[in-house]
Protein backbone atom coordinates (compact mmCIF):
# COMPACT_ATOMS: atom_id res chain seq x y z
CA MET A 1 -0.06 13.54 -14.10
CA LYS A 2 1.08 15.59 -11.10
CA LYS A 3 -1.68 13.90 -8.96
CA ASP A 4 -0.38 10.40 -10.00
CA PHE A 5 3.28 11.42 -9.22
CA ASP A 6 2.15 12.74 -5.82
CA LYS A 7 0.39 9.43 -5.11
CA ALA A 8 3.33 7.47 -6.28
CA VAL A 9 5.98 9.36 -4.37
CA LYS A 10 3.88 9.25 -1.21
CA PHE A 11 3.61 5.42 -1.51
CA THR A 12 7.26 5.00 -2.31
CA LEU A 13 8.53 7.20 0.43
CA LEU A 14 6.41 5.50 2.99
CA ARG A 15 7.98 2.17 1.99
CA GLU A 16 11.48 3.40 1.65
CA GLY A 17 11.56 5.05 5.07
CA PHE A 18 13.85 7.80 6.39
CA ILE A 19 17.46 6.59 6.95
CA SER A 20 18.72 3.04 6.44
CA ASP A 21 22.31 1.80 6.85
CA GLU A 22 21.99 -1.98 6.89
CA PRO A 23 25.36 -3.70 6.78
CA ASP A 24 24.03 -6.30 4.18
CA ASP A 25 22.40 -3.82 2.03
CA PRO A 26 24.33 -3.32 -1.25
CA GLY A 27 22.93 0.13 -1.51
CA LYS A 28 24.81 1.13 1.60
CA LEU A 29 23.53 4.39 3.47
CA THR A 30 20.12 5.13 2.07
CA ILE A 31 18.09 8.28 2.85
CA PHE A 32 14.39 8.47 1.69
CA GLY A 33 15.27 5.46 -0.64
CA ILE A 34 18.10 7.28 -2.36
CA SER A 35 21.14 4.91 -2.21
CA SER A 36 24.64 6.35 -1.51
CA LYS A 37 26.08 3.66 -3.72
CA TRP A 38 24.36 4.97 -6.75
CA TYR A 39 23.91 8.58 -5.82
CA PRO A 40 26.76 9.53 -3.36
CA LYS A 41 26.49 13.28 -4.08
CA GLU A 42 22.77 13.49 -3.45
CA VAL A 43 22.94 11.43 -0.21
CA THR A 44 25.76 13.56 1.08
CA HIS A 45 23.57 16.65 0.39
CA LEU A 46 20.54 15.00 2.12
CA LYS A 47 22.67 14.05 5.14
CA LYS A 48 23.96 17.62 5.38
CA LEU A 49 20.40 19.03 5.29
CA ILE A 50 19.26 16.47 7.87
CA ASN A 51 22.34 17.29 10.24
CA GLU A 52 21.31 21.06 9.98
CA GLY A 53 17.77 20.03 11.17
CA LYS A 54 16.22 20.80 7.72
CA ILE A 55 14.27 17.56 7.33
CA ASP A 56 11.41 19.03 5.44
CA LYS A 57 13.92 20.58 3.00
CA ALA A 58 15.71 17.26 2.67
CA LYS A 59 12.39 15.40 1.98
CA GLN A 60 11.42 17.97 -0.76
CA TYR A 61 14.90 17.55 -2.30
CA ALA A 62 14.28 13.66 -2.35
CA ILE A 63 10.86 14.19 -3.94
CA ASP A 64 12.25 16.52 -6.67
CA PHE A 65 15.11 13.98 -7.22
CA PHE A 66 12.63 11.11 -7.64
CA TYR A 67 10.66 13.17 -10.14
CA LYS A 68 13.60 13.90 -12.22
CA GLU A 69 15.63 10.77 -11.90
CA PHE A 70 12.86 8.21 -11.96
CA TRP A 71 9.37 9.45 -12.81
CA LEU A 72 10.62 11.33 -15.91
CA LYS A 73 13.34 8.92 -16.92
CA VAL A 74 10.96 5.90 -16.98
CA ASN A 75 8.48 7.95 -18.90
CA CYS A 76 5.75 7.87 -16.21
CA ASP A 77 4.15 11.05 -17.54
CA ASN A 78 3.28 9.14 -20.70
CA LEU A 79 2.08 5.95 -19.09
CA PRO A 80 -1.52 5.34 -18.02
CA TYR A 81 -2.60 4.77 -14.43
CA PRO A 82 -1.70 2.42 -12.61
CA PHE A 83 1.21 1.54 -14.77
CA ASN A 84 2.92 4.86 -14.10
CA LEU A 85 2.56 4.25 -10.32
CA ILE A 86 3.84 0.66 -10.55
CA ILE A 87 6.73 1.38 -12.85
CA PHE A 88 7.87 4.41 -10.78
CA ASP A 89 7.95 2.33 -7.66
CA THR A 90 9.63 -0.56 -9.40
CA ALA A 91 12.29 1.79 -10.80
CA VAL A 92 13.03 3.12 -7.24
CA ASN A 93 13.05 -0.45 -5.73
CA CYS A 94 14.71 -2.49 -8.52
CA GLY A 95 16.29 0.01 -10.74
CA ARG A 96 15.22 1.96 -13.92
CA SER A 97 16.44 -0.68 -16.44
CA ARG A 98 14.73 -3.47 -14.60
CA ALA A 99 11.45 -1.47 -14.44
CA ARG A 100 11.52 -0.97 -18.24
CA LYS A 101 12.48 -4.65 -18.78
CA PHE A 102 9.30 -5.88 -17.09
CA ILE A 103 7.03 -3.89 -19.48
CA ASP A 104 5.05 -6.07 -21.85
CA PRO A 105 2.29 -4.34 -23.88
CA TYR A 106 0.11 -7.36 -23.65
CA ASP A 107 0.36 -7.55 -19.88
CA ASP A 108 -2.05 -5.75 -17.37
CA TRP A 109 -0.82 -4.13 -14.30
CA ARG A 110 -1.33 -7.31 -12.21
CA ASP A 111 1.03 -9.24 -14.49
CA TYR A 112 3.70 -6.59 -14.00
CA LEU A 113 3.46 -6.84 -10.22
CA PHE A 114 3.88 -10.67 -10.59
CA LYS A 115 7.04 -10.19 -12.67
CA ARG A 116 8.36 -7.98 -9.93
CA ILE A 117 7.67 -10.51 -7.18
CA GLU A 118 9.15 -13.33 -9.40
CA TYR A 119 12.32 -11.16 -9.86
CA HIS A 120 12.64 -10.61 -6.04
CA ALA A 121 12.15 -14.27 -5.34
CA SER A 122 14.96 -15.17 -7.76
CA LEU A 123 17.61 -13.05 -6.01
CA LYS A 124 19.98 -15.16 -3.84
CA SER A 125 22.10 -12.52 -1.77
CA ILE A 126 21.92 -12.39 2.00
CA ASN A 127 20.18 -9.02 1.69
CA ALA A 128 17.73 -10.47 -0.75
CA LYS A 129 16.73 -13.36 1.50
CA LYS A 130 16.28 -10.93 4.47
CA SER A 131 14.23 -8.41 2.28
CA LEU A 132 11.99 -10.74 0.27
CA ARG A 133 9.10 -10.65 2.68
CA GLY A 134 9.10 -6.91 2.74
CA TRP A 135 9.41 -6.69 -1.12
CA ILE A 136 6.35 -8.88 -1.48
CA ASN A 137 4.42 -7.01 1.07
CA ARG A 138 5.28 -3.77 -0.82
CA CYS A 139 3.78 -5.27 -4.07
CA VAL A 140 0.66 -6.42 -2.13
CA LYS A 141 0.24 -2.91 -0.72
CA LEU A 142 0.59 -1.43 -4.17
CA TYR A 143 -1.90 -3.87 -5.57
CA ARG A 144 -4.44 -2.99 -2.77
CA LEU A 145 -3.91 0.75 -3.38
CA ILE A 146 -4.57 0.38 -6.96
CA LYS A 147 -7.49 -2.02 -6.54
CA LYS A 148 -9.12 0.47 -4.16
CA ARG A 149 -9.03 3.25 -6.66
CA LYS A 150 -9.78 0.99 -9.86
CA LYS A 151 -12.58 -1.06 -8.22
CA VAL A 152 -11.21 -4.24 -10.04
C-alpha cells in the first residue's frame, strides 16, 4: 500500500500546489493543499518551516499529515487500487465525508470520478465557478493516470 500512497500523494501535491491564498477560496491560506480554515495549527507550523527555509521539511510534514489525516481516515489501506488513489484525492479536494459518501459498492472507479465531477458542477459559489474547470481537469488527469496503469 505504501507504493499506492506514494503515487496518490505525488498526484495530489502536484495538483494542490505550494501556497495559495485566493480571496474567494473558503479554505483561506492553503499550503500543500492543507487549508488554514480546517487545519490552522498545521498551516501555522508549515508557514514557520517555510519562513525558516525548511521547504523539504515542510513538504514531508504535509505528506505525513496527508497519510494520517486522509489516507488512513478514509481507509485507503483497505481499498483496492485505483479506488484508494481516487478516494484519497477526493478526500483532500472535497473532504473526507464527501469522499465516503460517493462510495457505492456497485460502481466502478470511473463512476466514482463522474460523481465527483457532478458534485463540483453542482456548486454555486464564486470560488466554485472559478475552480470548476480545474477540478474537472484534475479528475481527467486522475482518470488518465489510472487508465495508463490499468490498460482499460
